[in-house]
PDB file of N, CA and C in Angstrom:
ATOM      1  N   MET A   1     133.045  92.290  17.662  1.00  0.00           N
ATOM      2  CA  MET A   1     133.007  92.775  18.737  1.00  0.00           C
ATOM      3  C   MET A   1     131.689  93.954  18.923  1.00  0.00           C
ATOM      4  N   LEU A   2     131.138  93.921  20.077  1.00  0.00           N
ATOM      5  CA  LEU A   2     129.802  94.587  20.445  1.00  0.00           C
ATOM      6  C   LEU A   2     130.592  96.038  20.593  1.00  0.00           C
ATOM      7  N   SER A   3     129.201  96.928  20.385  1.00  0.00           N
ATOM      8  CA  SER A   3     129.564  98.210  20.601  1.00  0.00           C
ATOM      9  C   SER A   3     128.031  99.306  21.057  1.00  0.00           C
ATOM     10  N   VAL A   4     128.271 100.256  21.563  1.00  0.00           N
ATOM     11  CA  VAL A   4     127.294 100.909  22.026  1.00  0.00           C
ATOM     12  C   VAL A   4     126.662 102.022  21.642  1.00  0.00           C
ATOM     13  N   MET A   5     125.573 102.228  21.438  1.00  0.00           N
ATOM     14  CA  MET A   5     125.366 103.651  20.706  1.00  0.00           C
ATOM     15  C   MET A   5     123.688 104.371  21.533  1.00  0.00           C
ATOM     16  N   PHE A   6     124.286 105.102  22.133  1.00  0.00           N
ATOM     17  CA  PHE A   6     123.305 106.078  23.059  1.00  0.00           C
ATOM     18  C   PHE A   6     122.870 106.946  21.979  1.00  0.00           C
ATOM     19  N   ILE A   7     121.183 106.927  22.085  1.00  0.00           N
ATOM     20  CA  ILE A   7     120.656 107.564  20.855  1.00  0.00           C
ATOM     21  C   ILE A   7     119.637 108.876  21.623  1.00  0.00           C
ATOM     22  N   LYS A   8     119.816 108.309  23.112  1.00  0.00           N
ATOM     23  CA  LYS A   8     118.664 109.666  23.325  1.00  0.00           C
ATOM     24  C   LYS A   8     119.284 109.773  24.875  1.00  0.00           C
ATOM     25  N   SER A   9     119.954 110.998  25.128  1.00  0.00           N
ATOM     26  CA  SER A   9     120.668 110.964  26.749  1.00  0.00           C
ATOM     27  C   SER A   9     120.252 112.390  27.512  1.00  0.00           C
ATOM     28  N   GLU A  10     120.153 112.478  28.382  1.00  0.00           N
ATOM     29  CA  GLU A  10     119.694 113.182  29.631  1.00  0.00           C
ATOM     30  C   GLU A  10     121.271 114.208  30.052  1.00  0.00           C
ATOM     31  N   THR A  11     122.127 113.337  29.832  1.00  0.00           N
ATOM     32  CA  THR A  11     123.252 113.849  30.358  1.00  0.00           C
ATOM     33  C   THR A  11     124.390 114.518  29.260  1.00  0.00           C
ATOM     34  N   LYS A  12     124.918 115.102  29.437  1.00  0.00           N
ATOM     35  CA  LYS A  12     125.817 115.476  27.872  1.00  0.00           C
ATOM     36  C   LYS A  12     127.168 114.782  27.903  1.00  0.00           C
ATOM     37  N   GLU A  13     127.392 114.036  28.826  1.00  0.00           N
ATOM     38  CA  GLU A  13     128.418 113.098  28.687  1.00  0.00           C
ATOM     39  C   GLU A  13     128.500 112.076  27.814  1.00  0.00           C
ATOM     40  N   LEU A  14     127.060 111.556  27.373  1.00  0.00           N
ATOM     41  CA  LEU A  14     126.554 110.639  26.504  1.00  0.00           C
ATOM     42  C   LEU A  14     126.237 111.059  25.338  1.00  0.00           C
ATOM     43  N   LYS A  15     127.122 111.286  24.253  1.00  0.00           N
ATOM     44  CA  LYS A  15     126.133 111.881  23.236  1.00  0.00           C
ATOM     45  C   LYS A  15     125.682 110.964  22.321  1.00  0.00           C
ATOM     46  N   PRO A  16     124.622 111.470  21.673  1.00  0.00           N
ATOM     47  CA  PRO A  16     123.407 110.942  20.883  1.00  0.00           C
ATOM     48  C   PRO A  16     124.394 110.168  20.130  1.00  0.00           C
ATOM     49  N   PHE A  17     124.234 109.026  19.306  1.00  0.00           N
ATOM     50  CA  PHE A  17     124.514 108.613  17.830  1.00  0.00           C
ATOM     51  C   PHE A  17     126.210 108.446  17.960  1.00  0.00           C
ATOM     52  N   GLN A  18     126.755 108.477  18.717  1.00  0.00           N
ATOM     53  CA  GLN A  18     128.305 108.219  18.958  1.00  0.00           C
ATOM     54  C   GLN A  18     128.632 106.639  19.272  1.00  0.00           C
ATOM     55  N   LYS A  19     129.266 105.806  18.431  1.00  0.00           N
ATOM     56  CA  LYS A  19     129.467 104.498  18.492  1.00  0.00           C
ATOM     57  C   LYS A  19     130.738 104.461  19.774  1.00  0.00           C
ATOM     58  N   LEU A  20     130.409 103.715  20.731  1.00  0.00           N
ATOM     59  CA  LEU A  20     131.501 103.781  21.759  1.00  0.00           C
ATOM     60  C   LEU A  20     131.619 101.874  21.975  1.00  0.00           C
ATOM     61  N   SER A  21     133.036 101.525  22.101  1.00  0.00           N
ATOM     62  CA  SER A  21     133.263 100.300  22.272  1.00  0.00           C
ATOM     63  C   SER A  21     132.690  99.629  23.616  1.00  0.00           C
ATOM     64  N   ILE A  22     132.569  98.668  24.357  1.00  0.00           N
ATOM     65  CA  ILE A  22     131.969  98.331  25.353  1.00  0.00           C
ATOM     66  C   ILE A  22     132.978  98.739  26.132  1.00  0.00           C
ATOM     67  N   PRO A  23     134.423  98.407  26.656  1.00  0.00           N
ATOM     68  CA  PRO A  23     134.848  99.396  27.656  1.00  0.00           C
ATOM     69  C   PRO A  23     135.031 100.597  27.592  1.00  0.00           C
ATOM     70  N   GLU A  24     134.986 101.330  26.662  1.00  0.00           N
ATOM     71  CA  GLU A  24     134.651 102.669  26.643  1.00  0.00           C
ATOM     72  C   GLU A  24     133.396 103.363  27.115  1.00  0.00           C
ATOM     73  N   ALA A  25     132.387 102.942  26.669  1.00  0.00           N
ATOM     74  CA  ALA A  25     130.872 102.697  27.392  1.00  0.00           C
ATOM     75  C   ALA A  25     130.726 102.416  28.588  1.00  0.00           C
ATOM     76  N   CYS A  26     131.305 101.579  29.285  1.00  0.00           N
ATOM     77  CA  CYS A  26     131.586 100.990  30.390  1.00  0.00           C
ATOM     78  C   CYS A  26     132.258 102.442  31.342  1.00  0.00           C
ATOM     79  N   GLU A  27     133.414 102.351  31.359  1.00  0.00           N
ATOM     80  CA  GLU A  27     134.001 103.315  31.697  1.00  0.00           C
ATOM     81  C   GLU A  27     133.469 104.743  31.963  1.00  0.00           C
ATOM     82  N   ILE A  28     133.208 105.737  30.984  1.00  0.00           N
ATOM     83  CA  ILE A  28     132.261 106.641  30.876  1.00  0.00           C
ATOM     84  C   ILE A  28     130.778 106.387  31.478  1.00  0.00           C
ATOM     85  N   THR A  29     130.061 105.581  31.615  1.00  0.00           N
ATOM     86  CA  THR A  29     128.744 105.333  32.040  1.00  0.00           C
ATOM     87  C   THR A  29     129.149 105.121  33.698  1.00  0.00           C
ATOM     88  N   GLU A  30     129.931 104.358  34.206  1.00  0.00           N
ATOM     89  CA  GLU A  30     130.401 104.489  35.599  1.00  0.00           C
ATOM     90  C   GLU A  30     130.923 105.548  36.103  1.00  0.00           C
ATOM     91  N   THR A  31     131.781 106.309  35.503  1.00  0.00           N
ATOM     92  CA  THR A  31     131.743 107.792  36.054  1.00  0.00           C
ATOM     93  C   THR A  31     130.774 108.828  36.246  1.00  0.00           C
ATOM     94  N   VAL A  32     129.838 108.858  34.953  1.00  0.00           N
ATOM     95  CA  VAL A  32     128.526 109.023  35.278  1.00  0.00           C
ATOM     96  C   VAL A  32     127.968 108.996  36.126  1.00  0.00           C
ATOM     97  N   GLU A  33     127.613 107.485  36.307  1.00  0.00           N
ATOM     98  CA  GLU A  33     127.273 106.822  37.457  1.00  0.00           C
ATOM     99  C   GLU A  33     127.600 107.940  39.123  1.00  0.00           C
ATOM    100  N   THR A  34     128.862 107.720  38.875  1.00  0.00           N
ATOM    101  CA  THR A  34     129.662 108.000  40.210  1.00  0.00           C
ATOM    102  C   THR A  34     129.116 109.628  40.651  1.00  0.00           C
ATOM    103  N   GLN A  35     129.161 110.296  39.423  1.00  0.00           N
ATOM    104  CA  GLN A  35     129.367 111.653  39.907  1.00  0.00           C
ATOM    105  C   GLN A  35     127.746 111.873  39.808  1.00  0.00           C
ATOM    106  N   TYR A  36     126.539 111.533  39.298  1.00  0.00           N
ATOM    107  CA  TYR A  36     125.142 111.557  39.468  1.00  0.00           C
ATOM    108  C   TYR A  36     124.970 111.287  40.680  1.00  0.00           C
ATOM    109  N   GLN A  37     125.507 110.236  41.687  1.00  0.00           N
ATOM    110  CA  GLN A  37     125.286 109.614  42.896  1.00  0.00           C
ATOM    111  C   GLN A  37     125.602 110.487  43.817  1.00  0.00           C
ATOM    112  N   ARG A  38     126.722 111.011  43.541  1.00  0.00           N
ATOM    113  CA  ARG A  38     127.519 112.054  44.575  1.00  0.00           C
ATOM    114  C   ARG A  38     126.577 113.221  44.658  1.00  0.00           C
ATOM    115  N   THR A  39     126.283 113.644  43.449  1.00  0.00           N
ATOM    116  CA  THR A  39     125.407 115.124  43.394  1.00  0.00           C
ATOM    117  C   THR A  39     124.085 114.972  43.674  1.00  0.00           C
ATOM    118  N   ARG A  40     123.560 113.284  43.711  1.00  0.00           N
ATOM    119  CA  ARG A  40     122.222 113.108  44.038  1.00  0.00           C
ATOM    120  C   ARG A  40     121.290 113.779  42.688  1.00  0.00           C
ATOM    121  N   LYS A  41     121.552 113.748  41.288  1.00  0.00           N
ATOM    122  CA  LYS A  41     121.477 114.090  40.269  1.00  0.00           C
ATOM    123  C   LYS A  41     120.521 112.498  39.378  1.00  0.00           C
ATOM    124  N   LYS A  42     119.414 112.628  38.855  1.00  0.00           N
ATOM    125  CA  LYS A  42     119.139 111.511  38.260  1.00  0.00           C
ATOM    126  C   LYS A  42     118.684 111.753  36.692  1.00  0.00           C
ATOM    127  N   ALA A  43     118.996 111.009  35.812  1.00  0.00           N
ATOM    128  CA  ALA A  43     119.187 111.006  34.221  1.00  0.00           C
ATOM    129  C   ALA A  43     118.936 109.467  33.644  1.00  0.00           C
ATOM    130  N   HIS A  44     118.382 109.731  32.443  1.00  0.00           N
ATOM    131  CA  HIS A  44     117.903 108.720  31.638  1.00  0.00           C
ATOM    132  C   HIS A  44     118.525 108.383  30.334  1.00  0.00           C
ATOM    133  N   ALA A  45     119.303 107.456  30.011  1.00  0.00           N
ATOM    134  CA  ALA A  45     119.558 107.345  28.731  1.00  0.00           C
ATOM    135  C   ALA A  45     119.184 106.035  27.747  1.00  0.00           C
ATOM    136  N   ASP A  46     118.858 106.303  26.514  1.00  0.00           N
ATOM    137  CA  ASP A  46     118.836 104.963  25.901  1.00  0.00           C
ATOM    138  C   ASP A  46     119.505 104.657  25.138  1.00  0.00           C
ATOM    139  N   PHE A  47     120.055 103.472  24.697  1.00  0.00           N
ATOM    140  CA  PHE A  47     120.883 103.264  24.053  1.00  0.00           C
ATOM    141  C   PHE A  47     120.586 101.652  23.591  1.00  0.00           C
ATOM    142  N   PHE A  48     121.367 101.649  22.463  1.00  0.00           N
ATOM    143  CA  PHE A  48     121.365 100.180  22.007  1.00  0.00           C
ATOM    144  C   PHE A  48     122.820  99.404  21.845  1.00  0.00           C
ATOM    145  N   ILE A  49     122.734  98.439  21.915  1.00  0.00           N
ATOM    146  CA  ILE A  49     123.911  97.453  21.899  1.00  0.00           C
ATOM    147  C   ILE A  49     124.132  96.865  20.467  1.00  0.00           C
ATOM    148  N   LEU A  50     124.873  96.981  19.226  1.00  0.00           N
ATOM    149  CA  LEU A  50     125.225  96.464  17.906  1.00  0.00           C
ATOM    150  C   LEU A  50     126.442  95.440  18.181  1.00  0.00           C
ATOM    151  N   ASP A  51     126.018  94.826  17.193  1.00  0.00           N
ATOM    152  CA  ASP A  51     127.234  93.536  16.791  1.00  0.00           C
ATOM    153  C   ASP A  51     128.017  94.419  15.603  1.00  0.00           C
ATOM    154  N   GLU A  52     128.763  93.573  15.078  1.00  0.00           N
ATOM    155  CA  GLU A  52     130.110  93.705  14.370  1.00  0.00           C
ATOM    156  C   GLU A  52     129.421  94.204  12.921  1.00  0.00           C
ATOM    157  N   GLU A  53     128.328  93.905  12.457  1.00  0.00           N
ATOM    158  CA  GLU A  53     127.572  94.773  11.255  1.00  0.00           C
ATOM    159  C   GLU A  53     126.472  95.817  11.794  1.00  0.00           C
ATOM    160  N   ASP A  54     126.590  96.296  12.857  1.00  0.00           N
ATOM    161  CA  ASP A  54     126.063  97.618  13.393  1.00  0.00           C
ATOM    162  C   ASP A  54     124.246  97.105  13.161  1.00  0.00           C
ATOM    163  N   HIS A  55     124.074  95.708  13.542  1.00  0.00           N
ATOM    164  CA  HIS A  55     122.771  95.471  13.850  1.00  0.00           C
ATOM    165  C   HIS A  55     122.538  95.400  15.594  1.00  0.00           C
ATOM    166  N   GLU A  56     121.049  95.924  15.412  1.00  0.00           N
ATOM    167  CA  GLU A  56     120.852  96.369  16.668  1.00  0.00           C
ATOM    168  C   GLU A  56     120.458  94.664  17.586  1.00  0.00           C
ATOM    169  N   VAL A  57     120.940  94.241  18.602  1.00  0.00           N
ATOM    170  CA  VAL A  57     121.005  93.356  19.760  1.00  0.00           C
ATOM    171  C   VAL A  57     120.406  93.491  20.747  1.00  0.00           C
ATOM    172  N   TYR A  58     120.413  94.620  21.074  1.00  0.00           N
ATOM    173  CA  TYR A  58     119.799  95.222  22.334  1.00  0.00           C
ATOM    174  C   TYR A  58     119.359  96.462  22.602  1.00  0.00           C
ATOM    175  N   ALA A  59     118.053  96.508  23.240  1.00  0.00           N
ATOM    176  CA  ALA A  59     118.006  98.160  23.748  1.00  0.00           C
ATOM    177  C   ALA A  59     117.475  98.273  24.913  1.00  0.00           C
ATOM    178  N   GLY A  60     117.993  99.097  25.288  1.00  0.00           N
ATOM    179  CA  GLY A  60     117.583  99.698  26.795  1.00  0.00           C
ATOM    180  C   GLY A  60     117.435 100.986  27.113  1.00  0.00           C
ATOM    181  N   THR A  61     117.193 100.972  28.653  1.00  0.00           N
ATOM    182  CA  THR A  61     117.200 102.677  29.172  1.00  0.00           C
ATOM    183  C   THR A  61     118.038 101.984  30.446  1.00  0.00           C
ATOM    184  N   LEU A  62     118.911 103.087  30.147  1.00  0.00           N
ATOM    185  CA  LEU A  62     120.011 103.374  31.597  1.00  0.00           C
ATOM    186  C   LEU A  62     119.269 104.363  32.313  1.00  0.00           C
ATOM    187  N   SER A  63     119.416 104.157  33.924  1.00  0.00           N
ATOM    188  CA  SER A  63     118.924 105.150  34.870  1.00  0.00           C
ATOM    189  C   SER A  63     120.092 105.026  35.656  1.00  0.00           C
ATOM    190  N   ILE A  64     120.526 106.542  35.308  1.00  0.00           N
ATOM    191  CA  ILE A  64     121.557 107.097  35.673  1.00  0.00           C
ATOM    192  C   ILE A  64     121.744 107.537  36.875  1.00  0.00           C
ATOM    193  N   GLY A  65     122.403 107.658  38.150  1.00  0.00           N
ATOM    194  CA  GLY A  65     122.496 108.134  39.050  1.00  0.00           C
ATOM    195  C   GLY A  65     121.545 107.222  40.445  1.00  0.00           C
ATOM    196  N   SER A  66     121.297 106.364  39.669  1.00  0.00           N
ATOM    197  CA  SER A  66     120.112 105.653  40.625  1.00  0.00           C
ATOM    198  C   SER A  66     120.642 104.821  41.811  1.00  0.00           C
ATOM    199  N   GLY A  67     121.346 104.352  41.289  1.00  0.00           N
ATOM    200  CA  GLY A  67     122.636 103.214  42.160  1.00  0.00           C
ATOM    201  C   GLY A  67     121.961 102.295  41.745  1.00  0.00           C
ATOM    202  N   LEU A  68     121.690 101.666  40.887  1.00  0.00           N
ATOM    203  CA  LEU A  68     120.758 100.334  40.333  1.00  0.00           C
ATOM    204  C   LEU A  68     122.010  99.370  39.670  1.00  0.00           C
ATOM    205  N   ALA A  69     122.766 100.290  38.989  1.00  0.00           N
ATOM    206  CA  ALA A  69     123.555  99.770  38.358  1.00  0.00           C
ATOM    207  C   ALA A  69     124.884 100.186  37.992  1.00  0.00           C
ATOM    208  N   ARG A  70     126.640  99.644  38.333  1.00  0.00           N
ATOM    209  CA  ARG A  70     127.152 100.202  37.879  1.00  0.00           C
ATOM    210  C   ARG A  70     128.005 101.038  36.458  1.00  0.00           C
ATOM    211  N   HIS A  71     127.804 100.249  35.619  1.00  0.00           N
ATOM    212  CA  HIS A  71     127.616 100.627  34.399  1.00  0.00           C
ATOM    213  C   HIS A  71     126.446 100.257  33.327  1.00  0.00           C
ATOM    214  N   VAL A  72     126.886 100.725  31.941  1.00  0.00           N
ATOM    215  CA  VAL A  72     125.743 100.133  31.055  1.00  0.00           C
ATOM    216  C   VAL A  72     125.754  98.264  31.243  1.00  0.00           C
ATOM    217  N   VAL A  73     126.650  97.990  30.904  1.00  0.00           N
ATOM    218  CA  VAL A  73     127.013  96.141  31.246  1.00  0.00           C
ATOM    219  C   VAL A  73     126.212  95.839  32.342  1.00  0.00           C
ATOM    220  N   ASP A  74     126.651  96.160  33.416  1.00  0.00           N
ATOM    221  CA  ASP A  74     126.176  95.663  34.794  1.00  0.00           C
ATOM    222  C   ASP A  74     124.696  95.791  34.673  1.00  0.00           C
ATOM    223  N   HIS A  75     123.959  97.099  33.820  1.00  0.00           N
ATOM    224  CA  HIS A  75     122.468  97.695  33.973  1.00  0.00           C
ATOM    225  C   HIS A  75     121.851  95.932  33.140  1.00  0.00           C
ATOM    226  N   ILE A  76     122.818  95.749  31.856  1.00  0.00           N
ATOM    227  CA  ILE A  76     122.042  94.513  31.034  1.00  0.00           C
ATOM    228  C   ILE A  76     121.974  93.209  31.806  1.00  0.00           C
ATOM    229  N   LYS A  77     123.217  93.097  32.546  1.00  0.00           N
ATOM    230  CA  LYS A  77     123.479  91.646  33.185  1.00  0.00           C
ATOM    231  C   LYS A  77     121.802  91.516  34.170  1.00  0.00           C
ATOM    232  N   LYS A  78     121.511  92.897  34.820  1.00  0.00           N
ATOM    233  CA  LYS A  78     120.736  92.695  36.078  1.00  0.00           C
ATOM    234  C   LYS A  78     119.608  92.588  35.368  1.00  0.00           C
ATOM    235  N   LYS A  79     119.199  93.220  34.494  1.00  0.00           N
ATOM    236  CA  LYS A  79     117.761  93.203  33.626  1.00  0.00           C
ATOM    237  C   LYS A  79     117.094  91.724  32.936  1.00  0.00           C
ATOM    238  N   LEU A  80     118.714  91.382  32.174  1.00  0.00           N
ATOM    239  CA  LEU A  80     118.375  90.277  31.339  1.00  0.00           C
ATOM    240  C   LEU A  80     118.324  89.135  32.350  1.00  0.00           C
ATOM    241  N   GLY A  81     119.109  89.184  33.466  1.00  0.00           N
ATOM    242  CA  GLY A  81     119.138  88.130  34.498  1.00  0.00           C
ATOM    243  C   GLY A  81     118.093  88.055  34.896  1.00  0.00           C
ATOM    244  N   SER A  82     116.980  88.775  35.484  1.00  0.00           N
ATOM    245  CA  SER A  82     115.513  88.931  35.843  1.00  0.00           C
ATOM    246  C   SER A  82     114.596  88.296  35.257  1.00  0.00           C
ATOM    247  N   LEU A  83     114.900  88.245  33.939  1.00  0.00           N
ATOM    248  CA  LEU A  83     113.845  87.655  33.052  1.00  0.00           C
ATOM    249  C   LEU A  83     113.931  86.014  32.590  1.00  0.00           C
ATOM    250  N   LYS A  84     112.360  85.593  32.549  1.00  0.00           N
ATOM    251  CA  LYS A  84     112.327  84.096  32.702  1.00  0.00           C
ATOM    252  C   LYS A  84     112.274  83.785  31.094  1.00  0.00           C
ATOM    253  N   MET A  85     112.959  82.833  30.899  1.00  0.00           N
ATOM    254  CA  MET A  85     112.791  82.390  29.386  1.00  0.00           C
ATOM    255  C   MET A  85     112.974  80.874  28.784  1.00  0.00           C
ATOM    256  N   ASP A  86     112.941  80.908  27.616  1.00  0.00           N
ATOM    257  CA  ASP A  86     112.537  79.240  27.403  1.00  0.00           C
ATOM    258  C   ASP A  86     114.443  79.233  27.438  1.00  0.00           C
ATOM    259  N   ASP A  87     114.324  77.683  26.825  1.00  0.00           N
ATOM    260  CA  ASP A  87     115.587  77.268  27.027  1.00  0.00           C
ATOM    261  C   ASP A  87     116.652  77.677  25.769  1.00  0.00           C
ATOM    262  N   ILE A  88     116.167  77.838  24.707  1.00  0.00           N
ATOM    263  CA  ILE A  88     116.565  78.606  23.189  1.00  0.00           C
ATOM    264  C   ILE A  88     117.217  79.903  23.776  1.00  0.00           C
ATOM    265  N   GLN A  89     116.102  80.704  24.237  1.00  0.00           N
ATOM    266  CA  GLN A  89     116.723  82.092  24.605  1.00  0.00           C
ATOM    267  C   GLN A  89     117.606  82.193  25.585  1.00  0.00           C
ATOM    268  N   GLU A  90     117.178  81.542  26.785  1.00  0.00           N
ATOM    269  CA  GLU A  90     118.096  81.428  27.946  1.00  0.00           C
ATOM    270  C   GLU A  90     119.337  81.000  27.190  1.00  0.00           C
ATOM    271  N   ALA A  91     119.972  80.329  26.430  1.00  0.00           N
ATOM    272  CA  ALA A  91     121.192  79.758  25.922  1.00  0.00           C
ATOM    273  C   ALA A  91     121.473  81.259  25.153  1.00  0.00           C
ATOM    274  N   ARG A  92     120.806  81.880  24.098  1.00  0.00           N
ATOM    275  CA  ARG A  92     121.111  83.232  23.636  1.00  0.00           C
ATOM    276  C   ARG A  92     121.715  83.915  24.674  1.00  0.00           C
ATOM    277  N   LYS A  93     120.664  84.136  25.632  1.00  0.00           N
ATOM    278  CA  LYS A  93     121.238  85.396  26.540  1.00  0.00           C
ATOM    279  C   LYS A  93     122.374  85.218  27.180  1.00  0.00           C
ATOM    280  N   ARG A  94     122.505  83.817  27.667  1.00  0.00           N
ATOM    281  CA  ARG A  94     123.780  83.472  28.439  1.00  0.00           C
ATOM    282  C   ARG A  94     125.063  83.803  27.606  1.00  0.00           C
ATOM    283  N   SER A  95     124.821  83.345  25.782  1.00  0.00           N
ATOM    284  CA  SER A  95     126.270  83.561  25.323  1.00  0.00           C
ATOM    285  C   SER A  95     126.546  85.273  25.299  1.00  0.00           C
ATOM    286  N   PHE A  96     125.072  85.708  25.056  1.00  0.00           N
ATOM    287  CA  PHE A  96     125.251  87.347  24.637  1.00  0.00           C
ATOM    288  C   PHE A  96     126.219  87.626  26.159  1.00  0.00           C
ATOM    289  N   LEU A  97     125.802  87.830  27.482  1.00  0.00           N
ATOM    290  CA  LEU A  97     125.922  88.059  28.290  1.00  0.00           C
ATOM    291  C   LEU A  97     127.534  87.657  28.882  1.00  0.00           C
ATOM    292  N   GLU A  98     127.896  86.330  28.304  1.00  0.00           N
ATOM    293  CA  GLU A  98     129.507  86.074  28.336  1.00  0.00           C
ATOM    294  C   GLU A  98     130.016  87.017  27.275  1.00  0.00           C
ATOM    295  N   GLN A  99     129.523  87.383  26.229  1.00  0.00           N
ATOM    296  CA  GLN A  99     130.190  88.511  25.028  1.00  0.00           C
ATOM    297  C   GLN A  99     130.775  89.322  25.467  1.00  0.00           C
ATOM    298  N   LEU A 100     129.272  89.908  26.305  1.00  0.00           N
ATOM    299  CA  LEU A 100     129.495  91.070  26.919  1.00  0.00           C
ATOM    300  C   LEU A 100     130.814  91.415  27.951  1.00  0.00           C
ATOM    301  N   GLU A 101     130.720  90.540  28.942  1.00  0.00           N
ATOM    302  CA  GLU A 101     131.145  90.406  29.963  1.00  0.00           C
ATOM    303  C   GLU A 101     132.774  90.315  29.980  1.00  0.00           C
ATOM    304  N   LYS A 102     133.461  89.464  28.576  1.00  0.00           N
ATOM    305  CA  LYS A 102     134.550  89.655  28.116  1.00  0.00           C
ATOM    306  C   LYS A 102     135.259  91.226  27.806  1.00  0.00           C
ATOM    307  N   GLU A 103     134.510  91.741  27.107  1.00  0.00           N
ATOM    308  CA  GLU A 103     134.406  93.053  26.883  1.00  0.00           C
ATOM    309  C   GLU A 103     134.821  94.236  28.099  1.00  0.00           C
ATOM    310  N   VAL A 104     134.221  94.031  29.219  1.00  0.00           N
ATOM    311  CA  VAL A 104     134.464  94.755  30.123  1.00  0.00           C
ATOM    312  C   VAL A 104     135.598  94.852  30.750  1.00  0.00           C
ATOM    313  N   PRO A 105     136.161  96.157  30.899  1.00  0.00           N
ATOM    314  CA  PRO A 105     137.646  96.106  31.694  1.00  0.00           C
ATOM    315  C   PRO A 105     137.473  95.317  33.272  1.00  0.00           C
ATOM    316  N   ASP A 106     138.948  94.766  33.645  1.00  0.00           N
ATOM    317  CA  ASP A 106     138.854  93.991  34.584  1.00  0.00           C
ATOM    318  C   ASP A 106     138.279  94.844  35.755  1.00  0.00           C
ATOM    319  N   HIS A 107     138.768  96.217  35.640  1.00  0.00           N
ATOM    320  CA  HIS A 107     138.389  96.874  37.078  1.00  0.00           C
ATOM    321  C   HIS A 107     137.356  97.201  37.537  1.00  0.00           C
ATOM    322  N   LEU A 108     136.419  97.282  36.152  1.00  0.00           N
ATOM    323  CA  LEU A 108     134.821  97.170  36.238  1.00  0.00           C
ATOM    324  C   LEU A 108     134.124  96.270  36.529  1.00  0.00           C
ATOM    325  N   LYS A 109     134.672  94.972  36.271  1.00  0.00           N
ATOM    326  CA  LYS A 109     133.658  94.029  36.456  1.00  0.00           C
ATOM    327  C   LYS A 109     133.008  93.695  37.811  1.00  0.00           C
ATOM    328  N   THR A 110     132.032  93.653  37.523  1.00  0.00           N
ATOM    329  CA  THR A 110     131.125  93.236  38.836  1.00  0.00           C
ATOM    330  C   THR A 110     130.678  91.737  39.183  1.00  0.00           C
ATOM    331  N   THR A 111     130.820  91.284  40.317  1.00  0.00           N
ATOM    332  CA  THR A 111     130.590  90.067  41.001  1.00  0.00           C
ATOM    333  C   THR A 111     129.360  89.865  41.470  1.00  0.00           C
ATOM    334  N   ASP A 112     128.658  89.229  40.909  1.00  0.00           N
ATOM    335  CA  ASP A 112     127.574  88.976  41.793  1.00  0.00           C
ATOM    336  C   ASP A 112     127.685  88.311  42.729  1.00  0.00           C
ATOM    337  N   VAL A 113     126.438  88.795  43.678  1.00  0.00           N
ATOM    338  CA  VAL A 113     126.416  88.219  45.028  1.00  0.00           C
ATOM    339  C   VAL A 113     125.132  87.471  44.989  1.00  0.00           C
ATOM    340  N   PRO A 114     125.101  86.152  45.414  1.00  0.00           N
ATOM    341  CA  PRO A 114     123.970  85.324  45.368  1.00  0.00           C
ATOM    342  C   PRO A 114     122.606  86.010  46.577  1.00  0.00           C
ATOM    343  N   PHE A 115     121.639  85.897  45.966  1.00  0.00           N
ATOM    344  CA  PHE A 115     120.695  85.754  47.023  1.00  0.00           C
ATOM    345  C   PHE A 115     120.522  84.830  48.244  1.00  0.00           C
ATOM    346  N   LEU A 116     120.216  85.259  49.517  1.00  0.00           N
ATOM    347  CA  LEU A 116     120.000  84.233  50.313  1.00  0.00           C
ATOM    348  C   LEU A 116     118.695  83.736  50.248  1.00  0.00           C
TER     349      LEU A 116
END
């Protein structure tokens, strides 16, 4: 199972160096995103995705309150989805995103609308 560790955050809700499961991280970041959008606040949070052995498999910065992503996994899907990669990297990316998506709580899953 993958986990999320925020390493630097401008919000009190996302505590630095606390390891969260993917479902927990999605719930918390979705709640904070909604609150920040409602109050027109913005913040950033740096995070790692860790594998079962606590090895870093992804590093990113979540923009909270921007409306760009619903939660941390939505952010990763949008970021990685826009990157062009070679075939091997593309296969790894697809596998990583599928693994992440499996752990997102059903009520927080995002359906990607194709661009016309």
